């Protein structure tokens, strides 16, 4: 699902894979809330993609979110995968 952290960051979490939203347009609070609502409704049983998304990879789902945001909100966004692994070793 989408997390709207503070006012400038949106993180998309798909099956444990996290993506950060990048936009070529300044995101107002209304646009961020709209994007978050789109993310939440993607998993609604009444959604037209509900059956299809379970056969898709997290990266394909992120691409679908990008296209949906473009169609619904009218702005170009990119969900970039967060590839960060941290390990803490104790002596």
PDB file of N, CA and C in Angstrom:
ATOM      1  N   UNK A   1       0.831  -1.176   0.000  1.00  0.00           N
ATOM      2  CA  UNK A   1       0.000   0.000   0.000  1.00  0.00           C
ATOM      3  C   UNK A   1       0.881   1.246   0.000  1.00  0.00           C
ATOM      4  N   UNK A   2       0.247   2.370  -0.085  1.00  0.00           N
ATOM      5  CA  UNK A   2       0.965   3.644  -0.134  1.00  0.00           C
ATOM      6  C   UNK A   2       1.037   4.252   1.257  1.00  0.00           C
ATOM      7  N   UNK A   3       2.163   4.835   1.555  1.00  0.00           N
ATOM      8  CA  UNK A   3       2.317   5.590   2.786  1.00  0.00           C
ATOM      9  C   UNK A   3       2.658   7.013   2.404  1.00  0.00           C
ATOM     10  N   UNK A   4       1.894   7.970   2.909  1.00  0.00           N
ATOM     11  CA  UNK A   4       2.131   9.376   2.651  1.00  0.00           C
ATOM     12  C   UNK A   4       2.884   9.918   3.861  1.00  0.00           C
ATOM     13  N   UNK A   5       4.195   9.857   3.825  1.00  0.00           N
ATOM     14  CA  UNK A   5       5.018  10.255   4.961  1.00  0.00           C
ATOM     15  C   UNK A   5       5.308  11.740   4.890  1.00  0.00           C
ATOM     16  N   UNK A   6       5.062  12.408   6.017  1.00  0.00           N
ATOM     17  CA  UNK A   6       5.234  13.853   6.106  1.00  0.00           C
ATOM     18  C   UNK A   6       4.508  14.482   4.933  1.00  0.00           C
ATOM     19  N   UNK A   7       5.082  15.501   4.320  1.00  0.00           N
ATOM     20  CA  UNK A   7       4.360  16.128   3.220  1.00  0.00           C
ATOM     21  C   UNK A   7       5.046  15.929   1.885  1.00  0.00           C
ATOM     22  N   UNK A   8       6.226  15.336   1.850  1.00  0.00           N
ATOM     23  CA  UNK A   8       6.952  15.305   0.586  1.00  0.00           C
ATOM     24  C   UNK A   8       7.362  13.913   0.128  1.00  0.00           C
ATOM     25  N   UNK A   9       6.932  12.873   0.794  1.00  0.00           N
ATOM     26  CA  UNK A   9       7.424  11.545   0.470  1.00  0.00           C
ATOM     27  C   UNK A   9       6.275  10.548   0.418  1.00  0.00           C
ATOM     28  N   UNK A  10       6.233   9.780  -0.663  1.00  0.00           N
ATOM     29  CA  UNK A  10       5.266   8.686  -0.769  1.00  0.00           C
ATOM     30  C   UNK A  10       6.045   7.411  -1.030  1.00  0.00           C
ATOM     31  N   UNK A  11       5.822   6.408  -0.194  1.00  0.00           N
ATOM     32  CA  UNK A  11       6.450   5.100  -0.326  1.00  0.00           C
ATOM     33  C   UNK A  11       5.357   4.100  -0.698  1.00  0.00           C
ATOM     34  N   UNK A  12       5.606   3.331  -1.740  1.00  0.00           N
ATOM     35  CA  UNK A  12       4.688   2.280  -2.168  1.00  0.00           C
ATOM     36  C   UNK A  12       5.289   0.950  -1.745  1.00  0.00           C
ATOM     37  N   UNK A  13       4.547   0.176  -0.957  1.00  0.00           N
ATOM     38  CA  UNK A  13       5.011  -1.122  -0.480  1.00  0.00           C
ATOM     39  C   UNK A  13       4.171  -2.201  -1.157  1.00  0.00           C
ATOM     40  N   UNK A  14       4.837  -3.005  -2.000  1.00  0.00           N
ATOM     41  CA  UNK A  14       4.145  -4.076  -2.719  1.00  0.00           C
ATOM     42  C   UNK A  14       4.811  -5.397  -2.369  1.00  0.00           C
ATOM     43  N   UNK A  15       4.120  -6.200  -1.593  1.00  0.00           N
ATOM     44  CA  UNK A  15       4.630  -7.526  -1.222  1.00  0.00           C
ATOM     45  C   UNK A  15       6.062  -7.471  -0.698  1.00  0.00           C
ATOM     46  N   UNK A  16       6.344  -6.507   0.149  1.00  0.00           N
ATOM     47  CA  UNK A  16       7.667  -6.391   0.757  1.00  0.00           C
ATOM     48  C   UNK A  16       8.676  -5.586  -0.043  1.00  0.00           C
ATOM     49  N   UNK A  17       8.392  -5.305  -1.301  1.00  0.00           N
ATOM     50  CA  UNK A  17       9.259  -4.449  -2.117  1.00  0.00           C
ATOM     51  C   UNK A  17       8.793  -3.012  -1.933  1.00  0.00           C
ATOM     52  N   UNK A  18       9.740  -2.119  -1.671  1.00  0.00           N
ATOM     53  CA  UNK A  18       9.368  -0.725  -1.470  1.00  0.00           C
ATOM     54  C   UNK A  18       9.835   0.129  -2.638  1.00  0.00           C
ATOM     55  N   UNK A  19       8.968   1.079  -3.009  1.00  0.00           N
ATOM     56  CA  UNK A  19       9.225   1.992  -4.112  1.00  0.00           C
ATOM     57  C   UNK A  19       8.984   3.411  -3.616  1.00  0.00           C
ATOM     58  N   UNK A  20       9.841   4.327  -4.043  1.00  0.00           N
ATOM     59  CA  UNK A  20       9.670   5.729  -3.694  1.00  0.00           C
ATOM     60  C   UNK A  20       9.120   6.458  -4.914  1.00  0.00           C
ATOM     61  N   UNK A  21       8.193   7.358  -4.681  1.00  0.00           N
ATOM     62  CA  UNK A  21       7.571   8.088  -5.774  1.00  0.00           C
ATOM     63  C   UNK A  21       8.424   9.287  -6.162  1.00  0.00           C
ATOM     64  N   UNK A  22       8.671   9.426  -7.457  1.00  0.00           N
ATOM     65  CA  UNK A  22       9.310  10.618  -8.006  1.00  0.00           C
ATOM     66  C   UNK A  22       8.338  11.232  -8.992  1.00  0.00           C
ATOM     67  N   UNK A  23       8.246  12.560  -8.984  1.00  0.00           N
ATOM     68  CA  UNK A  23       7.313  13.252  -9.861  1.00  0.00           C
ATOM     69  C   UNK A  23       8.005  14.421 -10.537  1.00  0.00           C
ATOM     70  N   UNK A  24       7.587  14.712 -11.770  1.00  0.00           N
ATOM     71  CA  UNK A  24       8.120  15.878 -12.464  1.00  0.00           C
ATOM     72  C   UNK A  24       7.305  17.130 -12.145  1.00  0.00           C
ATOM     73  N   UNK A  25       6.300  16.969 -11.298  1.00  0.00           N
ATOM     74  CA  UNK A  25       5.401  18.048 -10.911  1.00  0.00           C
ATOM     75  C   UNK A  25       5.377  18.144  -9.392  1.00  0.00           C
ATOM     76  N   UNK A  26       5.270  19.370  -8.879  1.00  0.00           N
ATOM     77  CA  UNK A  26       5.138  19.522  -7.431  1.00  0.00           C
ATOM     78  C   UNK A  26       3.821  18.889  -6.987  1.00  0.00           C
ATOM     79  N   UNK A  27       3.898  18.093  -5.953  1.00  0.00           N
ATOM     80  CA  UNK A  27       2.715  17.395  -5.461  1.00  0.00           C
ATOM     81  C   UNK A  27       2.066  18.188  -4.334  1.00  0.00           C
ATOM     82  N   UNK A  28       0.858  18.630  -4.575  1.00  0.00           N
ATOM     83  CA  UNK A  28       0.097  19.291  -3.523  1.00  0.00           C
ATOM     84  C   UNK A  28      -0.449  18.220  -2.586  1.00  0.00           C
ATOM     85  N   UNK A  29      -0.938  18.649  -1.453  1.00  0.00           N
ATOM     86  CA  UNK A  29      -1.531  17.701  -0.502  1.00  0.00           C
ATOM     87  C   UNK A  29      -2.692  16.950  -1.155  1.00  0.00           C
ATOM     88  N   UNK A  30      -3.507  17.652  -1.943  1.00  0.00           N
ATOM     89  CA  UNK A  30      -4.639  17.000  -2.611  1.00  0.00           C
ATOM     90  C   UNK A  30      -4.168  15.926  -3.581  1.00  0.00           C
ATOM     91  N   UNK A  31      -3.118  16.218  -4.360  1.00  0.00           N
ATOM     92  CA  UNK A  31      -2.596  15.230  -5.304  1.00  0.00           C
ATOM     93  C   UNK A  31      -2.027  14.028  -4.566  1.00  0.00           C
ATOM     94  N   UNK A  32      -1.325  14.271  -3.466  1.00  0.00           N
ATOM     95  CA  UNK A  32      -0.765  13.165  -2.678  1.00  0.00           C
ATOM     96  C   UNK A  32      -1.874  12.291  -2.108  1.00  0.00           C
ATOM     97  N   UNK A  33      -2.913  12.931  -1.595  1.00  0.00           N
ATOM     98  CA  UNK A  33      -4.036  12.166  -1.056  1.00  0.00           C
ATOM     99  C   UNK A  33      -4.734  11.363  -2.151  1.00  0.00           C
ATOM    100  N   UNK A  34      -4.842  11.941  -3.343  1.00  0.00           N
ATOM    101  CA  UNK A  34      -5.458  11.249  -4.475  1.00  0.00           C
ATOM    102  C   UNK A  34      -4.616  10.038  -4.876  1.00  0.00           C
ATOM    103  N   UNK A  35      -3.293  10.213  -4.932  1.00  0.00           N
ATOM    104  CA  UNK A  35      -2.398   9.104  -5.270  1.00  0.00           C
ATOM    105  C   UNK A  35      -2.501   8.004  -4.224  1.00  0.00           C
ATOM    106  N   UNK A  36      -2.552   8.388  -2.963  1.00  0.00           N
ATOM    107  CA  UNK A  36      -2.688   7.401  -1.892  1.00  0.00           C
ATOM    108  C   UNK A  36      -4.011   6.636  -2.028  1.00  0.00           C
ATOM    109  N   UNK A  37      -5.080   7.334  -2.369  1.00  0.00           N
ATOM    110  CA  UNK A  37      -6.383   6.684  -2.551  1.00  0.00           C
ATOM    111  C   UNK A  37      -6.343   5.708  -3.727  1.00  0.00           C
ATOM    112  N   UNK A  38      -5.645   6.075  -4.799  1.00  0.00           N
ATOM    113  CA  UNK A  38      -5.499   5.173  -5.948  1.00  0.00           C
ATOM    114  C   UNK A  38      -4.790   3.895  -5.515  1.00  0.00           C
ATOM    115  N   UNK A  39      -3.712   4.044  -4.758  1.00  0.00           N
ATOM    116  CA  UNK A  39      -2.962   2.877  -4.288  1.00  0.00           C
ATOM    117  C   UNK A  39      -3.838   1.962  -3.444  1.00  0.00           C
ATOM    118  N   UNK A  40      -4.629   2.557  -2.572  1.00  0.00           N
ATOM    119  CA  UNK A  40      -5.473   1.752  -1.691  1.00  0.00           C
ATOM    120  C   UNK A  40      -6.573   1.025  -2.459  1.00  0.00           C
ATOM    121  N   UNK A  41      -7.128   1.659  -3.490  1.00  0.00           N
ATOM    122  CA  UNK A  41      -8.229   1.025  -4.219  1.00  0.00           C
ATOM    123  C   UNK A  41      -7.755  -0.043  -5.195  1.00  0.00           C
ATOM    124  N   UNK A  42      -6.467  -0.088  -5.498  1.00  0.00           N
ATOM    125  CA  UNK A  42      -5.964  -1.112  -6.414  1.00  0.00           C
ATOM    126  C   UNK A  42      -6.223  -2.521  -5.879  1.00  0.00           C
ATOM    127  N   UNK A  43      -6.254  -2.679  -4.563  1.00  0.00           N
ATOM    128  CA  UNK A  43      -6.466  -3.995  -3.964  1.00  0.00           C
ATOM    129  C   UNK A  43      -7.924  -4.233  -3.574  1.00  0.00           C
ATOM    130  N   UNK A  44      -8.812  -3.340  -3.965  1.00  0.00           N
ATOM    131  CA  UNK A  44     -10.236  -3.494  -3.701  1.00  0.00           C
ATOM    132  C   UNK A  44     -10.797  -4.591  -4.610  1.00  0.00           C
ATOM    133  N   UNK A  45     -11.596  -5.476  -4.058  1.00  0.00           N
ATOM    134  CA  UNK A  45     -12.161  -6.589  -4.834  1.00  0.00           C
ATOM    135  C   UNK A  45     -12.999  -6.119  -6.017  1.00  0.00           C
ATOM    136  N   UNK A  46     -13.527  -4.913  -5.955  1.00  0.00           N
ATOM    137  CA  UNK A  46     -14.350  -4.382  -7.040  1.00  0.00           C
ATOM    138  C   UNK A  46     -13.523  -3.715  -8.134  1.00  0.00           C
ATOM    139  N   UNK A  47     -12.215  -3.653  -7.952  1.00  0.00           N
ATOM    140  CA  UNK A  47     -11.342  -3.011  -8.926  1.00  0.00           C
ATOM    141  C   UNK A  47     -11.172  -3.907 -10.146  1.00  0.00           C
ATOM    142  N   UNK A  48     -11.090  -3.294 -11.320  1.00  0.00           N
ATOM    143  CA  UNK A  48     -10.963  -4.073 -12.559  1.00  0.00           C
ATOM    144  C   UNK A  48      -9.660  -4.856 -12.640  1.00  0.00           C
ATOM    145  N   UNK A  49      -8.613  -4.450 -11.898  1.00  0.00           N
ATOM    146  CA  UNK A  49      -7.325  -5.144 -11.948  1.00  0.00           C
ATOM    147  C   UNK A  49      -7.142  -6.147 -10.817  1.00  0.00           C
ATOM    148  N   UNK A  50      -8.133  -6.261  -9.951  1.00  0.00           N
ATOM    149  CA  UNK A  50      -7.979  -7.069  -8.740  1.00  0.00           C
ATOM    150  C   UNK A  50      -7.457  -8.473  -9.033  1.00  0.00           C
ATOM    151  N   UNK A  51      -8.036  -9.162  -9.982  1.00  0.00           N
ATOM    152  CA  UNK A  51      -7.609 -10.529 -10.305  1.00  0.00           C
ATOM    153  C   UNK A  51      -6.223 -10.551 -10.944  1.00  0.00           C
ATOM    154  N   UNK A  52      -5.943  -9.573 -11.792  1.00  0.00           N
ATOM    155  CA  UNK A  52      -4.687  -9.555 -12.549  1.00  0.00           C
ATOM    156  C   UNK A  52      -3.461  -9.267 -11.691  1.00  0.00           C
ATOM    157  N   UNK A  53      -3.604  -8.427 -10.673  1.00  0.00           N
ATOM    158  CA  UNK A  53      -2.404  -7.999  -9.947  1.00  0.00           C
ATOM    159  C   UNK A  53      -1.749  -9.125  -9.159  1.00  0.00           C
ATOM    160  N   UNK A  54      -2.491 -10.167  -8.831  1.00  0.00           N
ATOM    161  CA  UNK A  54      -1.884 -11.257  -8.074  1.00  0.00           C
ATOM    162  C   UNK A  54      -0.943 -12.107  -8.914  1.00  0.00           C
ATOM    163  N   UNK A  55      -1.043 -12.002 -10.228  1.00  0.00           N
ATOM    164  CA  UNK A  55      -0.130 -12.707 -11.122  1.00  0.00           C
ATOM    165  C   UNK A  55       1.027 -11.822 -11.571  1.00  0.00           C
ATOM    166  N   UNK A  56       1.049 -10.588 -11.091  1.00  0.00           N
ATOM    167  CA  UNK A  56       2.068  -9.629 -11.521  1.00  0.00           C
ATOM    168  C   UNK A  56       3.190  -9.533 -10.492  1.00  0.00           C
ATOM    169  N   UNK A  57       4.377  -9.182 -10.970  1.00  0.00           N
ATOM    170  CA  UNK A  57       5.498  -8.933 -10.061  1.00  0.00           C
ATOM    171  C   UNK A  57       5.295  -7.564  -9.410  1.00  0.00           C
ATOM    172  N   UNK A  58       5.969  -7.304  -8.271  1.00  0.00           N
ATOM    173  CA  UNK A  58       5.873  -5.977  -7.658  1.00  0.00           C
ATOM    174  C   UNK A  58       6.262  -4.857  -8.628  1.00  0.00           C
ATOM    175  N   UNK A  59       7.227  -5.128  -9.500  1.00  0.00           N
ATOM    176  CA  UNK A  59       7.679  -4.108 -10.453  1.00  0.00           C
ATOM    177  C   UNK A  59       6.607  -3.833 -11.508  1.00  0.00           C
ATOM    178  N   UNK A  60       5.908  -4.874 -11.940  1.00  0.00           N
ATOM    179  CA  UNK A  60       4.812  -4.689 -12.890  1.00  0.00           C
ATOM    180  C   UNK A  60       3.657  -3.921 -12.247  1.00  0.00           C
ATOM    181  N   UNK A  61       3.391  -4.207 -10.979  1.00  0.00           N
ATOM    182  CA  UNK A  61       2.333  -3.494 -10.262  1.00  0.00           C
ATOM    183  C   UNK A  61       2.709  -2.023 -10.119  1.00  0.00           C
ATOM    184  N   UNK A  62       3.974  -1.736  -9.816  1.00  0.00           N
ATOM    185  CA  UNK A  62       4.428  -0.344  -9.716  1.00  0.00           C
ATOM    186  C   UNK A  62       4.241   0.372 -11.053  1.00  0.00           C
ATOM    187  N   UNK A  63       4.537  -0.311 -12.160  1.00  0.00           N
ATOM    188  CA  UNK A  63       4.310   0.272 -13.490  1.00  0.00           C
ATOM    189  C   UNK A  63       2.825   0.568 -13.711  1.00  0.00           C
ATOM    190  N   UNK A  64       1.967  -0.345 -13.267  1.00  0.00           N
ATOM    191  CA  UNK A  64       0.528  -0.134 -13.392  1.00  0.00           C
ATOM    192  C   UNK A  64       0.090   1.082 -12.575  1.00  0.00           C
ATOM    193  N   UNK A  65       0.646   1.236 -11.367  1.00  0.00           N
ATOM    194  CA  UNK A  65       0.349   2.416 -10.552  1.00  0.00           C
ATOM    195  C   UNK A  65       0.755   3.691 -11.285  1.00  0.00           C
ATOM    196  N   UNK A  66       1.939   3.686 -11.912  1.00  0.00           N
ATOM    197  CA  UNK A  66       2.409   4.859 -12.654  1.00  0.00           C
ATOM    198  C   UNK A  66       1.407   5.243 -13.741  1.00  0.00           C
ATOM    199  N   UNK A  67       0.964   4.258 -14.518  1.00  0.00           N
ATOM    200  CA  UNK A  67       0.014   4.517 -15.600  1.00  0.00           C
ATOM    201  C   UNK A  67      -1.323   5.013 -15.056  1.00  0.00           C
ATOM    202  N   UNK A  68      -1.756   4.426 -13.951  1.00  0.00           N
ATOM    203  CA  UNK A  68      -3.029   4.814 -13.357  1.00  0.00           C
ATOM    204  C   UNK A  68      -2.973   6.241 -12.837  1.00  0.00           C
ATOM    205  N   UNK A  69      -1.869   6.607 -12.172  1.00  0.00           N
ATOM    206  CA  UNK A  69      -1.716   7.980 -11.674  1.00  0.00           C
ATOM    207  C   UNK A  69      -1.710   8.956 -12.849  1.00  0.00           C
ATOM    208  N   UNK A  70      -1.023   8.608 -13.928  1.00  0.00           N
ATOM    209  CA  UNK A  70      -0.996   9.468 -15.124  1.00  0.00           C
ATOM    210  C   UNK A  70      -2.409   9.685 -15.653  1.00  0.00           C
ATOM    211  N   UNK A  71      -3.190   8.606 -15.754  1.00  0.00           N
ATOM    212  CA  UNK A  71      -4.551   8.704 -16.281  1.00  0.00           C
ATOM    213  C   UNK A  71      -5.490   9.453 -15.340  1.00  0.00           C
ATOM    214  N   UNK A  72      -5.397   9.163 -14.044  1.00  0.00           N
ATOM    215  CA  UNK A  72      -6.346   9.708 -13.075  1.00  0.00           C
ATOM    216  C   UNK A  72      -5.989  11.111 -12.582  1.00  0.00           C
ATOM    217  N   UNK A  73      -4.693  11.349 -12.338  1.00  0.00           N
ATOM    218  CA  UNK A  73      -4.257  12.617 -11.751  1.00  0.00           C
ATOM    219  C   UNK A  73      -3.718  13.564 -12.826  1.00  0.00           C
ATOM    220  N   UNK A  74      -3.236  12.991 -13.928  1.00  0.00           N
ATOM    221  CA  UNK A  74      -2.729  13.809 -15.019  1.00  0.00           C
ATOM    222  C   UNK A  74      -1.294  14.263 -14.859  1.00  0.00           C
ATOM    223  N   UNK A  75      -0.527  13.561 -14.028  1.00  0.00           N
ATOM    224  CA  UNK A  75       0.885  13.906 -13.849  1.00  0.00           C
ATOM    225  C   UNK A  75       1.741  12.667 -14.074  1.00  0.00           C
ATOM    226  N   UNK A  76       2.975  12.906 -14.494  1.00  0.00           N
ATOM    227  CA  UNK A  76       3.921  11.807 -14.676  1.00  0.00           C
ATOM    228  C   UNK A  76       4.617  11.517 -13.356  1.00  0.00           C
ATOM    229  N   UNK A  77       4.573  10.268 -12.951  1.00  0.00           N
ATOM    230  CA  UNK A  77       5.282   9.845 -11.748  1.00  0.00           C
ATOM    231  C   UNK A  77       6.076   8.596 -12.073  1.00  0.00           C
ATOM    232  N   UNK A  78       7.061   8.328 -11.252  1.00  0.00           N
ATOM    233  CA  UNK A  78       7.878   7.121 -11.373  1.00  0.00           C
ATOM    234  C   UNK A  78       8.030   6.544  -9.977  1.00  0.00           C
ATOM    235  N   UNK A  79       7.711   5.266  -9.829  1.00  0.00           N
ATOM    236  CA  UNK A  79       7.963   4.571  -8.575  1.00  0.00           C
ATOM    237  C   UNK A  79       9.285   3.840  -8.739  1.00  0.00           C
ATOM    238  N   UNK A  80      10.329   4.323  -8.065  1.00  0.00           N
ATOM    239  CA  UNK A  80      11.654   3.716  -8.158  1.00  0.00           C
ATOM    240  C   UNK A  80      11.861   2.773  -6.981  1.00  0.00           C
ATOM    241  N   UNK A  81      12.360   1.592  -7.284  1.00  0.00           N
ATOM    242  CA  UNK A  81      12.599   0.594  -6.236  1.00  0.00           C
ATOM    243  C   UNK A  81      13.657   1.100  -5.271  1.00  0.00           C
ATOM    244  N   UNK A  82      13.418   0.871  -3.995  1.00  0.00           N
ATOM    245  CA  UNK A  82      14.393   1.204  -2.959  1.00  0.00           C
ATOM    246  C   UNK A  82      15.206  -0.057  -2.729  1.00  0.00           C
ATOM    247  N   UNK A  83      16.453  -0.002  -3.107  1.00  0.00           N
ATOM    248  CA  UNK A  83      17.325  -1.167  -2.995  1.00  0.00           C
ATOM    249  C   UNK A  83      18.350  -0.884  -1.907  1.00  0.00           C
ATOM    250  N   UNK A  84      17.974  -1.177  -0.691  1.00  0.00           N
ATOM    251  CA  UNK A  84      18.837  -0.888   0.447  1.00  0.00           C
ATOM    252  C   UNK A  84      18.817  -2.078   1.388  1.00  0.00           C
ATOM    253  N   UNK A  85      19.977  -2.564   1.688  1.00  0.00           N
ATOM    254  CA  UNK A  85      20.083  -3.670   2.630  1.00  0.00           C
ATOM    255  C   UNK A  85      21.082  -3.265   3.705  1.00  0.00           C
ATOM    256  N   UNK A  86      20.685  -3.394   4.932  1.00  0.00           N
ATOM    257  CA  UNK A  86      21.532  -3.009   6.059  1.00  0.00           C
ATOM    258  C   UNK A  86      21.683  -4.213   6.975  1.00  0.00           C
ATOM    259  N   UNK A  87      22.904  -4.453   7.408  1.00  0.00           N
ATOM    260  CA  UNK A  87      23.111  -5.505   8.402  1.00  0.00           C
ATOM    261  C   UNK A  87      23.973  -4.939   9.521  1.00  0.00           C
ATOM    262  N   UNK A  88      23.660  -5.346  10.719  1.00  0.00           N
ATOM    263  CA  UNK A  88      24.405  -4.898  11.896  1.00  0.00           C
ATOM    264  C   UNK A  88      25.093  -6.114  12.487  1.00  0.00           C
ATOM    265  N   UNK A  89      26.388  -6.026  12.589  1.00  0.00           N
ATOM    266  CA  UNK A  89      27.174  -7.130  13.134  1.00  0.00           C
ATOM    267  C   UNK A  89      27.612  -6.789  14.548  1.00  0.00           C
ATOM    268  N   UNK A  90      27.442  -7.730  15.431  1.00  0.00           N
ATOM    269  CA  UNK A  90      27.895  -7.545  16.807  1.00  0.00           C
ATOM    270  C   UNK A  90      29.159  -8.350  17.019  1.00  0.00           C
ATOM    271  N   UNK A  91      30.102  -7.786  17.761  1.00  0.00           N
ATOM    272  CA  UNK A  91      31.353  -8.501  18.070  1.00  0.00           C
ATOM    273  C   UNK A  91      31.183  -9.404  19.255  1.00  0.00           C
TER     274      UNK A  91
END
